[in-house]
Amino acid sequence: MNKKPFVITIPILVVLLASLFASKRPDTLETIAISYSFESQAKEISSLFTGYSFPFIHNQFMSSFCAGTAGLFIIYIFYKVIKRFVK
């Protein structure tokens, strides 16, 4: 049995399911900044993964899903590069 399709589809399905449960609430650092009133001192920066999503995709679910899948591939590439150096 060829395991290659499962190696690709299972992680993508996990990202798909996880993106359904992505929180709309701010993370802990943002919550603390808001609680102690120093969020106005924060500097806005532009990022490809702003808010754990792609800003150029207007559907929130698809934006989170695509960002999660891209993050999955980036981690996989880092894994392969590190594995090559360790060998």
Protein backbone atom coordinates (compact mmCIF):
# COMPACT_ATOMS: atom_id res chain seq x y z
CA MET A 1 0.00 0.00 0.00
CA ASN A 2 1.36 3.40 -1.00
CA LYS A 3 1.55 5.67 2.06
CA LYS A 4 2.43 8.84 0.13
CA PRO A 5 -1.19 10.07 -0.37
CA PHE A 6 -1.87 9.67 3.37
CA VAL A 7 1.27 11.60 4.28
CA ILE A 8 -0.10 14.58 2.37
CA THR A 9 -3.85 14.33 2.92
CA ILE A 10 -3.96 13.59 6.66
CA PRO A 11 -2.08 16.77 7.72
CA ILE A 12 -4.17 18.88 5.35
CA LEU A 13 -7.35 17.39 6.81
CA VAL A 14 -6.08 18.19 10.31
CA VAL A 15 -5.46 21.80 9.27
CA LEU A 16 -8.93 21.92 7.69
CA LEU A 17 -10.56 20.72 10.90
CA ALA A 18 -8.41 22.97 13.10
CA SER A 19 -9.29 26.03 11.02
CA LEU A 20 -12.95 25.43 11.87
CA PHE A 21 -12.08 26.07 15.52
CA ALA A 22 -9.80 29.08 15.01
CA SER A 23 -10.54 31.67 17.68
CA LYS A 24 -11.71 35.14 16.79
CA ARG A 25 -10.58 36.40 20.21
CA PRO A 26 -7.16 37.95 20.76
CA ASP A 27 -4.35 35.81 22.13
CA THR A 28 -2.99 36.20 25.67
CA LEU A 29 -0.41 38.87 24.85
CA GLU A 30 -3.03 41.05 23.20
CA THR A 31 -5.42 40.50 26.11
CA ILE A 32 -2.80 41.58 28.64
CA ALA A 33 -1.93 44.64 26.56
CA ILE A 34 -5.60 45.62 26.45
CA SER A 35 -6.06 44.95 30.19
CA TYR A 36 -3.12 47.17 31.14
CA SER A 37 -3.91 49.85 28.53
CA PHE A 38 -0.66 49.78 26.58
CA GLU A 39 -2.02 48.38 23.31
CA SER A 40 -1.79 51.88 21.83
CA GLN A 41 2.02 51.67 22.09
CA ALA A 42 2.14 48.65 19.81
CA LYS A 43 3.46 49.17 16.32
CA GLU A 44 1.43 47.78 13.43
CA ILE A 45 3.48 45.74 11.03
CA SER A 46 2.45 44.14 7.81
CA SER A 47 2.84 40.39 7.61
CA LEU A 48 1.78 37.63 5.27
CA PHE A 49 0.13 35.76 8.17
CA THR A 50 -1.47 38.73 9.95
CA GLY A 51 -4.08 37.38 12.36
CA TYR A 52 -3.21 33.77 11.44
CA SER A 53 -4.80 34.28 8.04
CA PHE A 54 -4.05 35.71 4.62
CA PRO A 55 -5.31 39.31 4.40
CA PHE A 56 -5.87 39.09 0.64
CA ILE A 57 -8.40 36.22 0.96
CA HIS A 58 -11.71 37.71 2.04
CA ASN A 59 -13.42 34.48 3.14
CA GLN A 60 -12.36 34.02 6.80
CA PHE A 61 -12.54 30.21 6.75
CA MET A 62 -10.56 29.87 3.51
CA SER A 63 -8.08 32.49 4.70
CA SER A 64 -7.37 30.57 7.93
CA PHE A 65 -7.27 27.24 6.09
CA CYS A 66 -4.81 28.48 3.46
CA ALA A 67 -2.58 30.10 6.11
CA GLY A 68 -2.60 26.89 8.13
CA THR A 69 -1.74 24.80 5.08
CA ALA A 70 1.05 27.20 4.11
CA GLY A 71 2.38 27.04 7.67
CA LEU A 72 2.28 23.26 7.51
CA PHE A 73 4.35 23.26 4.32
CA ILE A 74 6.83 25.76 5.77
CA ILE A 75 7.33 23.57 8.84
CA TYR A 76 7.78 20.53 6.60
CA ILE A 77 10.45 22.33 4.56
CA PHE A 78 12.26 23.37 7.77
CA TYR A 79 12.10 19.75 8.94
CA LYS A 80 13.64 18.50 5.70
CA VAL A 81 16.42 21.12 5.76
CA ILE A 82 17.29 20.40 9.40
CA LYS A 83 17.16 16.65 8.78
CA ARG A 84 19.60 17.04 5.88
CA PHE A 85 22.05 19.02 8.04
CA VAL A 86 21.84 16.56 10.94
CA LYS A 87 22.68 13.62 8.70
